[in-house]
Amino acid sequence: MVITIEPGVYLPGEELGIRIEDDVLVTADGYELLSGMLPRHPDAVESAMTERPRQISPGR
């Protein structure tokens, strides 16, 4: 089963919001964070948004 965990922060006065979605694969043996390679720190997210899009290959 795959589930998502989607915390979000919204600042209405600044018309700004962000939602970080984590995809988690849950198996009988445990779990695997499928979105672990994505940036988490605000500076890293901002930097990633200004970079040229990258293609992620299947199977990482």
PDB file of N, CA and C in Angstrom:
ATOM      1  N   MET A   1       0.841  -1.158   0.000  1.00  0.00           N
ATOM      2  CA  MET A   1       0.000   0.000   0.000  1.00  0.00           C
ATOM      3  C   MET A   1       0.900   1.238   0.000  1.00  0.00           C
ATOM      4  N   VAL A   2       0.489   2.254  -0.726  1.00  0.00           N
ATOM      5  CA  VAL A   2       1.201   3.534  -0.724  1.00  0.00           C
ATOM      6  C   VAL A   2       0.277   4.579  -0.115  1.00  0.00           C
ATOM      7  N   ILE A   3       0.805   5.332   0.832  1.00  0.00           N
ATOM      8  CA  ILE A   3       0.046   6.419   1.445  1.00  0.00           C
ATOM      9  C   ILE A   3       0.836   7.713   1.275  1.00  0.00           C
ATOM     10  N   THR A   4       0.146   8.824   1.427  1.00  0.00           N
ATOM     11  CA  THR A   4       0.823  10.121   1.398  1.00  0.00           C
ATOM     12  C   THR A   4       0.630  10.816   2.740  1.00  0.00           C
ATOM     13  N   ILE A   5       1.651  11.553   3.112  1.00  0.00           N
ATOM     14  CA  ILE A   5       1.614  12.401   4.306  1.00  0.00           C
ATOM     15  C   ILE A   5       1.844  13.810   3.791  1.00  0.00           C
ATOM     16  N   GLU A   6       0.884  14.703   4.008  1.00  0.00           N
ATOM     17  CA  GLU A   6       0.894  15.994   3.334  1.00  0.00           C
ATOM     18  C   GLU A   6       0.740  17.173   4.289  1.00  0.00           C
ATOM     19  N   PRO A   7       1.750  17.478   5.087  1.00  0.00           N
ATOM     20  CA  PRO A   7       1.640  18.689   5.909  1.00  0.00           C
ATOM     21  C   PRO A   7       1.713  19.936   5.031  1.00  0.00           C
ATOM     22  N   GLY A   8       1.021  20.975   5.420  1.00  0.00           N
ATOM     23  CA  GLY A   8       1.038  22.210   4.651  1.00  0.00           C
ATOM     24  C   GLY A   8       1.090  23.429   5.545  1.00  0.00           C
ATOM     25  N   VAL A   9       1.645  24.502   5.022  1.00  0.00           N
ATOM     26  CA  VAL A   9       1.692  25.791   5.707  1.00  0.00           C
ATOM     27  C   VAL A   9       1.150  26.827   4.737  1.00  0.00           C
ATOM     28  N   TYR A  10       0.184  27.606   5.183  1.00  0.00           N
ATOM     29  CA  TYR A  10      -0.433  28.630   4.341  1.00  0.00           C
ATOM     30  C   TYR A  10      -0.430  29.958   5.082  1.00  0.00           C
ATOM     31  N   LEU A  11       0.025  30.998   4.403  1.00  0.00           N
ATOM     32  CA  LEU A  11       0.074  32.347   4.977  1.00  0.00           C
ATOM     33  C   LEU A  11      -0.842  33.240   4.146  1.00  0.00           C
ATOM     34  N   PRO A  12      -2.126  33.315   4.503  1.00  0.00           N
ATOM     35  CA  PRO A  12      -3.096  34.060   3.708  1.00  0.00           C
ATOM     36  C   PRO A  12      -2.722  35.525   3.499  1.00  0.00           C
ATOM     37  N   GLY A  13      -2.162  36.177   4.504  1.00  0.00           N
ATOM     38  CA  GLY A  13      -1.800  37.582   4.370  1.00  0.00           C
ATOM     39  C   GLY A  13      -0.726  37.820   3.326  1.00  0.00           C
ATOM     40  N   GLU A  14       0.071  36.809   3.059  1.00  0.00           N
ATOM     41  CA  GLU A  14       1.130  36.919   2.059  1.00  0.00           C
ATOM     42  C   GLU A  14       0.788  36.181   0.770  1.00  0.00           C
ATOM     43  N   GLU A  15      -0.422  35.587   0.718  1.00  0.00           N
ATOM     44  CA  GLU A  15      -0.843  34.779  -0.426  1.00  0.00           C
ATOM     45  C   GLU A  15       0.227  33.747  -0.767  1.00  0.00           C
ATOM     46  N   LEU A  16       0.661  33.015   0.246  1.00  0.00           N
ATOM     47  CA  LEU A  16       1.747  32.059   0.103  1.00  0.00           C
ATOM     48  C   LEU A  16       1.363  30.764   0.806  1.00  0.00           C
ATOM     49  N   GLY A  17       1.692  29.655   0.190  1.00  0.00           N
ATOM     50  CA  GLY A  17       1.445  28.366   0.812  1.00  0.00           C
ATOM     51  C   GLY A  17       2.362  27.316   0.228  1.00  0.00           C
ATOM     52  N   ILE A  18       2.635  26.303   1.022  1.00  0.00           N
ATOM     53  CA  ILE A  18       3.452  25.189   0.548  1.00  0.00           C
ATOM     54  C   ILE A  18       2.937  23.909   1.192  1.00  0.00           C
ATOM     55  N   ARG A  19       2.957  22.865   0.425  1.00  0.00           N
ATOM     56  CA  ARG A  19       2.575  21.545   0.921  1.00  0.00           C
ATOM     57  C   ARG A  19       3.698  20.590   0.514  1.00  0.00           C
ATOM     58  N   ILE A  20       4.247  19.913   1.494  1.00  0.00           N
ATOM     59  CA  ILE A  20       5.281  18.919   1.242  1.00  0.00           C
ATOM     60  C   ILE A  20       4.607  17.554   1.300  1.00  0.00           C
ATOM     61  N   GLU A  21       4.617  16.846   0.205  1.00  0.00           N
ATOM     62  CA  GLU A  21       3.963  15.538   0.146  1.00  0.00           C
ATOM     63  C   GLU A  21       5.006  14.439   0.185  1.00  0.00           C
ATOM     64  N   ASP A  22       4.908  13.567   1.150  1.00  0.00           N
ATOM     65  CA  ASP A  22       5.761  12.388   1.221  1.00  0.00           C
ATOM     66  C   ASP A  22       4.946  11.171   0.804  1.00  0.00           C
ATOM     67  N   ASP A  23       5.514  10.360  -0.058  1.00  0.00           N
ATOM     68  CA  ASP A  23       4.900   9.104  -0.472  1.00  0.00           C
ATOM     69  C   ASP A  23       5.603   7.978   0.276  1.00  0.00           C
ATOM     70  N   VAL A  24       4.821   7.138   0.927  1.00  0.00           N
ATOM     71  CA  VAL A  24       5.373   6.075   1.764  1.00  0.00           C
ATOM     72  C   VAL A  24       4.802   4.738   1.313  1.00  0.00           C
ATOM     73  N   LEU A  25       5.698   3.805   0.982  1.00  0.00           N
ATOM     74  CA  LEU A  25       5.309   2.439   0.642  1.00  0.00           C
ATOM     75  C   LEU A  25       5.289   1.634   1.931  1.00  0.00           C
ATOM     76  N   VAL A  26       4.151   1.038   2.242  1.00  0.00           N
ATOM     77  CA  VAL A  26       4.002   0.240   3.459  1.00  0.00           C
ATOM     78  C   VAL A  26       3.856  -1.224   3.047  1.00  0.00           C
ATOM     79  N   THR A  27       4.717  -2.080   3.616  1.00  0.00           N
ATOM     80  CA  THR A  27       4.667  -3.515   3.330  1.00  0.00           C
ATOM     81  C   THR A  27       4.556  -4.284   4.639  1.00  0.00           C
ATOM     82  N   ALA A  28       4.444  -5.589   4.542  1.00  0.00           N
ATOM     83  CA  ALA A  28       4.381  -6.433   5.741  1.00  0.00           C
ATOM     84  C   ALA A  28       5.677  -6.359   6.539  1.00  0.00           C
ATOM     85  N   ASP A  29       6.783  -5.978   5.869  1.00  0.00           N
ATOM     86  CA  ASP A  29       8.092  -5.923   6.527  1.00  0.00           C
ATOM     87  C   ASP A  29       8.474  -4.537   7.034  1.00  0.00           C
ATOM     88  N   GLY A  30       7.665  -3.531   6.762  1.00  0.00           N
ATOM     89  CA  GLY A  30       8.009  -2.183   7.209  1.00  0.00           C
ATOM     90  C   GLY A  30       7.556  -1.140   6.203  1.00  0.00           C
ATOM     91  N   TYR A  31       8.374  -0.110   6.021  1.00  0.00           N
ATOM     92  CA  TYR A  31       8.005   0.966   5.098  1.00  0.00           C
ATOM     93  C   TYR A  31       9.245   1.493   4.383  1.00  0.00           C
ATOM     94  N   GLU A  32       9.003   2.204   3.272  1.00  0.00           N
ATOM     95  CA  GLU A  32      10.071   2.877   2.534  1.00  0.00           C
ATOM     96  C   GLU A  32       9.560   4.256   2.142  1.00  0.00           C
ATOM     97  N   LEU A  33      10.320   5.277   2.455  1.00  0.00           N
ATOM     98  CA  LEU A  33       9.972   6.643   2.070  1.00  0.00           C
ATOM     99  C   LEU A  33      10.375   6.831   0.613  1.00  0.00           C
ATOM    100  N   LEU A  34       9.393   6.882  -0.284  1.00  0.00           N
ATOM    101  CA  LEU A  34       9.662   6.964  -1.718  1.00  0.00           C
ATOM    102  C   LEU A  34      10.093   8.353  -2.166  1.00  0.00           C
ATOM    103  N   SER A  35       9.760   9.365  -1.410  1.00  0.00           N
ATOM    104  CA  SER A  35      10.075  10.743  -1.794  1.00  0.00           C
ATOM    105  C   SER A  35      11.241  11.309  -0.981  1.00  0.00           C
ATOM    106  N   GLY A  36      12.052  10.447  -0.411  1.00  0.00           N
ATOM    107  CA  GLY A  36      13.146  10.885   0.459  1.00  0.00           C
ATOM    108  C   GLY A  36      14.222  11.687  -0.225  1.00  0.00           C
ATOM    109  N   MET A  37      14.319  11.596  -1.580  1.00  0.00           N
ATOM    110  CA  MET A  37      15.372  12.321  -2.279  1.00  0.00           C
ATOM    111  C   MET A  37      15.002  13.774  -2.583  1.00  0.00           C
ATOM    112  N   LEU A  38      13.781  14.165  -2.237  1.00  0.00           N
ATOM    113  CA  LEU A  38      13.336  15.532  -2.509  1.00  0.00           C
ATOM    114  C   LEU A  38      13.825  16.492  -1.422  1.00  0.00           C
ATOM    115  N   PRO A  39      14.039  17.755  -1.779  1.00  0.00           N
ATOM    116  CA  PRO A  39      14.532  18.728  -0.792  1.00  0.00           C
ATOM    117  C   PRO A  39      13.501  19.003   0.298  1.00  0.00           C
ATOM    118  N   ARG A  40      13.987  19.276   1.511  1.00  0.00           N
ATOM    119  CA  ARG A  40      13.109  19.556   2.647  1.00  0.00           C
ATOM    120  C   ARG A  40      13.344  20.951   3.243  1.00  0.00           C
ATOM    121  N   HIS A  41      14.581  21.375   3.289  1.00  0.00           N
ATOM    122  CA  HIS A  41      14.928  22.665   3.883  1.00  0.00           C
ATOM    123  C   HIS A  41      14.398  23.787   2.981  1.00  0.00           C
ATOM    124  N   PRO A  42      13.853  24.857   3.556  1.00  0.00           N
ATOM    125  CA  PRO A  42      13.291  25.935   2.740  1.00  0.00           C
ATOM    126  C   PRO A  42      14.248  26.469   1.667  1.00  0.00           C
ATOM    127  N   ASP A  43      15.519  26.646   2.001  1.00  0.00           N
ATOM    128  CA  ASP A  43      16.474  27.142   1.000  1.00  0.00           C
ATOM    129  C   ASP A  43      16.652  26.142  -0.136  1.00  0.00           C
ATOM    130  N   ALA A  44      16.663  24.852   0.194  1.00  0.00           N
ATOM    131  CA  ALA A  44      16.818  23.817  -0.829  1.00  0.00           C
ATOM    132  C   ALA A  44      15.580  23.740  -1.723  1.00  0.00           C
ATOM    133  N   VAL A  45      14.395  23.912  -1.144  1.00  0.00           N
ATOM    134  CA  VAL A  45      13.157  23.920  -1.937  1.00  0.00           C
ATOM    135  C   VAL A  45      13.168  25.106  -2.892  1.00  0.00           C
ATOM    136  N   GLU A  46      13.510  26.281  -2.382  1.00  0.00           N
ATOM    137  CA  GLU A  46      13.549  27.484  -3.224  1.00  0.00           C
ATOM    138  C   GLU A  46      14.559  27.323  -4.354  1.00  0.00           C
ATOM    139  N   SER A  47      15.718  26.782  -4.045  1.00  0.00           N
ATOM    140  CA  SER A  47      16.745  26.556  -5.059  1.00  0.00           C
ATOM    141  C   SER A  47      16.250  25.574  -6.129  1.00  0.00           C
ATOM    142  N   ALA A  48      15.598  24.502  -5.692  1.00  0.00           N
ATOM    143  CA  ALA A  48      15.088  23.507  -6.635  1.00  0.00           C
ATOM    144  C   ALA A  48      14.031  24.109  -7.560  1.00  0.00           C
ATOM    145  N   MET A  49      13.264  25.064  -7.053  1.00  0.00           N
ATOM    146  CA  MET A  49      12.215  25.681  -7.866  1.00  0.00           C
ATOM    147  C   MET A  49      12.790  26.572  -8.959  1.00  0.00           C
ATOM    148  N   THR A  50      14.004  27.052  -8.803  1.00  0.00           N
ATOM    149  CA  THR A  50      14.607  27.915  -9.813  1.00  0.00           C
ATOM    150  C   THR A  50      15.512  27.152 -10.769  1.00  0.00           C
ATOM    151  N   GLU A  51      15.802  25.881 -10.470  1.00  0.00           N
ATOM    152  CA  GLU A  51      16.651  25.062 -11.335  1.00  0.00           C
ATOM    153  C   GLU A  51      15.858  24.539 -12.525  1.00  0.00           C
ATOM    154  N   ARG A  52      16.604  24.127 -13.541  1.00  0.00           N
ATOM    155  CA  ARG A  52      15.992  23.479 -14.699  1.00  0.00           C
ATOM    156  C   ARG A  52      15.422  22.136 -14.236  1.00  0.00           C
ATOM    157  N   PRO A  53      14.207  21.779 -14.687  1.00  0.00           N
ATOM    158  CA  PRO A  53      13.612  20.501 -14.277  1.00  0.00           C
ATOM    159  C   PRO A  53      14.497  19.322 -14.638  1.00  0.00           C
ATOM    160  N   ARG A  54      14.553  18.349 -13.726  1.00  0.00           N
ATOM    161  CA  ARG A  54      15.321  17.123 -13.963  1.00  0.00           C
ATOM    162  C   ARG A  54      14.365  15.970 -14.119  1.00  0.00           C
ATOM    163  N   GLN A  55      14.786  14.991 -14.902  1.00  0.00           N
ATOM    164  CA  GLN A  55      13.982  13.784 -15.053  1.00  0.00           C
ATOM    165  C   GLN A  55      14.508  12.747 -14.076  1.00  0.00           C
ATOM    166  N   ILE A  56      13.608  12.135 -13.332  1.00  0.00           N
ATOM    167  CA  ILE A  56      13.986  11.093 -12.385  1.00  0.00           C
ATOM    168  C   ILE A  56      13.782   9.754 -13.082  1.00  0.00           C
ATOM    169  N   SER A  57      14.851   8.967 -13.139  1.00  0.00           N
ATOM    170  CA  SER A  57      14.755   7.682 -13.833  1.00  0.00           C
ATOM    171  C   SER A  57      14.043   6.653 -12.970  1.00  0.00           C
ATOM    172  N   PRO A  58      13.284   5.744 -13.612  1.00  0.00           N
ATOM    173  CA  PRO A  58      12.607   4.694 -12.849  1.00  0.00           C
ATOM    174  C   PRO A  58      13.602   3.853 -12.076  1.00  0.00           C
ATOM    175  N   GLY A  59      13.228   3.445 -10.885  1.00  0.00           N
ATOM    176  CA  GLY A  59      14.107   2.630 -10.067  1.00  0.00           C
ATOM    177  C   GLY A  59      15.222   3.394  -9.429  1.00  0.00           C
ATOM    178  N   ARG A  60      15.192   4.723  -9.546  1.00  0.00           N
ATOM    179  CA  ARG A  60      16.182   5.628  -8.980  1.00  0.00           C
ATOM    180  C   ARG A  60      17.518   5.229  -9.467  1.00  0.00           C
TER     181      ARG A  60
END
